[in-house]
Structure formats: C-alpha cells, structure tokens
Amino acid sequence: MIIPWQTLEPDTLLRLIEQFVLMEGTDYGEQESSLADKVESVKTQLRQGTAVIVYSELHESVNIVPTDRFDSSKTETP
C-alpha cells in the first residue's frame, strides 16, 4: 500500500527518510553527500513522484522505493 508522503507529520517523514538513508547502501556518486543532502534528495524524489513510501502489511514494514521499481501487483490489498 502506498502511503502519500503528504499525510505524514513532518517529523515522522523526516525520521522515516533518515532511517531509509542510513540503512540503504545507496550510491550517491564519487563525492560523498552529507546526511542532510541525502535526506533532501529523497524528499525531492517524493515530491516529484519518482519515489513512493510503501507499507507492507505482510512484513509490517515501511520502505521508500523508486516508482519505476514499484510493482503494485505485488502489494497486499486492504
């Protein structure tokens, strides 16, 4: 299930993005980016619709995924 980022409290959204950035082994290129820059990059992707927040009822987890890798047919129906 997709969770619209706009429905989350700002502090909750920030903590979710920080957790995602810190646990992902995301490659940001040759130059290392600060946590703040990485968080802002993810916020931008959410605003632009190139990433979505997905809740898995099966796994009881939340993740942020690029929209081009999100397969809605693999998510549970409410």
N, C-alpha and C. Protein backbone atom coordinates (compact mmCIF):
# COMPACT_ATOMS: atom_id res chain seq x y z
N MET A 1 0.83 -1.16 0.00
CA MET A 1 0.00 0.00 0.00
C MET A 1 0.89 1.24 0.00
N ILE A 2 0.60 2.16 -0.89
CA ILE A 2 1.35 3.41 -0.95
C ILE A 2 0.81 4.37 0.11
N ILE A 3 1.73 4.96 0.85
CA ILE A 3 1.38 5.98 1.84
C ILE A 3 1.77 7.34 1.26
N PRO A 4 0.80 8.21 1.00
CA PRO A 4 1.15 9.53 0.48
C PRO A 4 2.03 10.28 1.49
N TRP A 5 3.17 10.77 1.04
CA TRP A 5 4.10 11.43 1.96
C TRP A 5 3.48 12.66 2.61
N GLN A 6 2.52 13.28 1.92
CA GLN A 6 1.88 14.49 2.44
C GLN A 6 1.03 14.22 3.67
N THR A 7 0.65 12.94 3.89
CA THR A 7 -0.21 12.61 5.03
C THR A 7 0.57 12.39 6.31
N LEU A 8 1.89 12.31 6.21
CA LEU A 8 2.72 12.09 7.39
C LEU A 8 3.07 13.41 8.06
N GLU A 9 3.17 13.37 9.38
CA GLU A 9 3.65 14.53 10.12
C GLU A 9 5.08 14.84 9.66
N PRO A 10 5.46 16.10 9.56
CA PRO A 10 6.81 16.44 9.08
C PRO A 10 7.93 15.72 9.84
N ASP A 11 7.81 15.61 11.17
CA ASP A 11 8.85 14.96 11.95
C ASP A 11 8.91 13.45 11.64
N THR A 12 7.74 12.84 11.46
CA THR A 12 7.67 11.42 11.11
C THR A 12 8.30 11.17 9.75
N LEU A 13 7.97 12.03 8.80
CA LEU A 13 8.55 11.91 7.46
C LEU A 13 10.06 12.05 7.51
N LEU A 14 10.55 13.02 8.25
CA LEU A 14 11.99 13.23 8.37
C LEU A 14 12.67 11.99 8.96
N ARG A 15 12.12 11.45 10.03
CA ARG A 15 12.71 10.27 10.67
C ARG A 15 12.68 9.06 9.74
N LEU A 16 11.60 8.90 9.00
CA LEU A 16 11.50 7.80 8.04
C LEU A 16 12.56 7.92 6.95
N ILE A 17 12.72 9.11 6.42
CA ILE A 17 13.72 9.33 5.36
C ILE A 17 15.12 9.14 5.92
N GLU A 18 15.38 9.65 7.12
CA GLU A 18 16.71 9.47 7.72
C GLU A 18 17.02 7.99 7.92
N GLN A 19 16.05 7.24 8.42
CA GLN A 19 16.24 5.81 8.62
C GLN A 19 16.53 5.12 7.29
N PHE A 20 15.79 5.47 6.27
CA PHE A 20 15.99 4.90 4.94
C PHE A 20 17.39 5.20 4.42
N VAL A 21 17.80 6.46 4.52
CA VAL A 21 19.10 6.87 4.00
C VAL A 21 20.24 6.18 4.76
N LEU A 22 20.08 6.05 6.07
CA LEU A 22 21.14 5.46 6.88
C LEU A 22 21.25 3.95 6.69
N MET A 23 20.16 3.27 6.40
CA MET A 23 20.24 1.82 6.25
C MET A 23 20.46 1.37 4.81
N GLU A 24 20.20 2.22 3.86
CA GLU A 24 20.42 1.88 2.46
C GLU A 24 21.88 2.07 2.11
N GLY A 25 22.41 1.19 1.31
CA GLY A 25 23.77 1.33 0.80
C GLY A 25 23.73 2.09 -0.51
N THR A 26 23.01 3.19 -0.52
CA THR A 26 22.79 3.94 -1.74
C THR A 26 24.06 4.62 -2.22
N ASP A 27 24.29 4.52 -3.50
CA ASP A 27 25.46 5.14 -4.12
C ASP A 27 25.08 6.53 -4.61
N TYR A 28 25.74 7.54 -4.08
CA TYR A 28 25.45 8.92 -4.46
C TYR A 28 26.54 9.49 -5.36
N GLY A 29 27.31 8.61 -5.97
CA GLY A 29 28.37 9.07 -6.86
C GLY A 29 29.71 9.08 -6.17
N GLU A 30 30.70 9.63 -6.85
CA GLU A 30 32.06 9.64 -6.33
C GLU A 30 32.22 10.54 -5.11
N GLN A 31 31.48 11.63 -5.08
CA GLN A 31 31.58 12.56 -3.97
C GLN A 31 30.54 12.19 -2.92
N GLU A 32 30.99 11.94 -1.69
CA GLU A 32 30.08 11.58 -0.61
C GLU A 32 29.21 12.78 -0.24
N SER A 33 27.94 12.51 0.00
CA SER A 33 26.98 13.56 0.37
C SER A 33 26.72 13.51 1.86
N SER A 34 26.35 14.64 2.43
CA SER A 34 26.01 14.69 3.85
C SER A 34 24.63 14.06 4.05
N LEU A 35 24.33 13.73 5.29
CA LEU A 35 23.01 13.19 5.62
C LEU A 35 21.92 14.16 5.19
N ALA A 36 22.12 15.43 5.45
CA ALA A 36 21.12 16.44 5.08
C ALA A 36 20.90 16.47 3.58
N ASP A 37 21.98 16.36 2.80
CA ASP A 37 21.84 16.36 1.33
C ASP A 37 21.10 15.12 0.85
N LYS A 38 21.40 13.97 1.46
CA LYS A 38 20.72 12.72 1.08
C LYS A 38 19.23 12.79 1.43
N VAL A 39 18.92 13.33 2.61
CA VAL A 39 17.53 13.47 3.02
C VAL A 39 16.80 14.39 2.06
N GLU A 40 17.40 15.50 1.70
CA GLU A 40 16.77 16.44 0.78
C GLU A 40 16.55 15.81 -0.59
N SER A 41 17.50 14.99 -1.02
CA SER A 41 17.36 14.28 -2.31
C SER A 41 16.15 13.35 -2.30
N VAL A 42 15.97 12.62 -1.21
CA VAL A 42 14.82 11.71 -1.10
C VAL A 42 13.52 12.52 -1.03
N LYS A 43 13.50 13.62 -0.28
CA LYS A 43 12.31 14.48 -0.21
C LYS A 43 11.93 14.97 -1.61
N THR A 44 12.93 15.37 -2.37
CA THR A 44 12.69 15.84 -3.73
C THR A 44 12.08 14.74 -4.59
N GLN A 45 12.61 13.54 -4.46
CA GLN A 45 12.07 12.41 -5.23
C GLN A 45 10.62 12.12 -4.85
N LEU A 46 10.30 12.22 -3.57
CA LEU A 46 8.92 12.02 -3.14
C LEU A 46 8.01 13.11 -3.69
N ARG A 47 8.46 14.36 -3.61
CA ARG A 47 7.67 15.49 -4.14
C ARG A 47 7.43 15.36 -5.64
N GLN A 48 8.46 14.90 -6.36
CA GLN A 48 8.36 14.78 -7.82
C GLN A 48 7.62 13.52 -8.26
N GLY A 49 7.37 12.62 -7.33
CA GLY A 49 6.67 11.39 -7.67
C GLY A 49 7.57 10.32 -8.27
N THR A 50 8.88 10.49 -8.14
CA THR A 50 9.79 9.47 -8.67
C THR A 50 10.14 8.42 -7.62
N ALA A 51 9.63 8.61 -6.38
CA ALA A 51 9.76 7.63 -5.31
C ALA A 51 8.47 7.65 -4.51
N VAL A 52 8.16 6.52 -3.89
CA VAL A 52 6.95 6.42 -3.08
C VAL A 52 7.27 5.73 -1.76
N ILE A 53 6.44 6.00 -0.76
CA ILE A 53 6.54 5.33 0.53
C ILE A 53 5.56 4.16 0.49
N VAL A 54 6.07 2.97 0.78
CA VAL A 54 5.25 1.77 0.68
C VAL A 54 5.20 1.06 2.03
N TYR A 55 3.98 0.73 2.47
CA TYR A 55 3.79 -0.05 3.69
C TYR A 55 3.46 -1.48 3.29
N SER A 56 4.16 -2.44 3.87
CA SER A 56 3.88 -3.85 3.64
C SER A 56 3.18 -4.40 4.88
N GLU A 57 1.93 -4.73 4.71
CA GLU A 57 1.18 -5.31 5.81
C GLU A 57 1.74 -6.69 6.16
N LEU A 58 2.15 -7.42 5.15
CA LEU A 58 2.72 -8.75 5.35
C LEU A 58 3.97 -8.71 6.20
N HIS A 59 4.87 -7.77 5.89
CA HIS A 59 6.14 -7.66 6.62
C HIS A 59 6.10 -6.64 7.75
N GLU A 60 4.98 -5.94 7.86
CA GLU A 60 4.82 -4.87 8.85
C GLU A 60 6.00 -3.91 8.80
N SER A 61 6.28 -3.45 7.59
CA SER A 61 7.42 -2.55 7.39
C SER A 61 7.05 -1.44 6.41
N VAL A 62 7.86 -0.38 6.47
CA VAL A 62 7.70 0.75 5.58
C VAL A 62 9.02 0.92 4.83
N ASN A 63 8.93 1.20 3.54
CA ASN A 63 10.13 1.41 2.74
C ASN A 63 9.87 2.52 1.73
N ILE A 64 10.94 3.08 1.22
CA ILE A 64 10.85 4.08 0.16
C ILE A 64 11.46 3.44 -1.08
N VAL A 65 10.69 3.44 -2.16
CA VAL A 65 11.17 2.79 -3.38
C VAL A 65 10.95 3.71 -4.58
N PRO A 66 11.84 3.61 -5.58
CA PRO A 66 11.63 4.37 -6.81
C PRO A 66 10.35 3.88 -7.49
N THR A 67 9.60 4.78 -8.06
CA THR A 67 8.33 4.39 -8.69
C THR A 67 8.55 3.43 -9.85
N ASP A 68 9.69 3.52 -10.53
CA ASP A 68 9.91 2.61 -11.65
C ASP A 68 10.23 1.19 -11.19
N ARG A 69 10.52 0.99 -9.90
CA ARG A 69 10.76 -0.35 -9.36
C ARG A 69 9.61 -0.83 -8.49
N PHE A 70 8.59 -0.01 -8.33
CA PHE A 70 7.45 -0.38 -7.52
C PHE A 70 6.44 -1.14 -8.38
N ASP A 71 6.10 -2.34 -7.94
CA ASP A 71 5.14 -3.18 -8.66
C ASP A 71 3.90 -3.31 -7.79
N SER A 72 2.87 -2.56 -8.11
CA SER A 72 1.67 -2.54 -7.26
C SER A 72 0.96 -3.89 -7.25
N SER A 73 1.21 -4.74 -8.22
CA SER A 73 0.56 -6.07 -8.23
C SER A 73 1.14 -6.98 -7.15
N LYS A 74 2.29 -6.59 -6.55
CA LYS A 74 2.91 -7.41 -5.52
C LYS A 74 2.56 -6.92 -4.12
N THR A 75 1.71 -5.92 -4.01
CA THR A 75 1.34 -5.42 -2.69
C THR A 75 0.02 -6.03 -2.29
N GLU A 76 -0.21 -6.05 -1.00
CA GLU A 76 -1.45 -6.61 -0.47
C GLU A 76 -2.58 -5.63 -0.69
N THR A 77 -3.78 -6.14 -0.77
CA THR A 77 -4.94 -5.27 -0.86
C THR A 77 -5.52 -5.11 0.53
N PRO A 78 -5.98 -3.90 0.87
CA PRO A 78 -6.52 -3.66 2.22
C PRO A 78 -7.81 -4.39 2.45
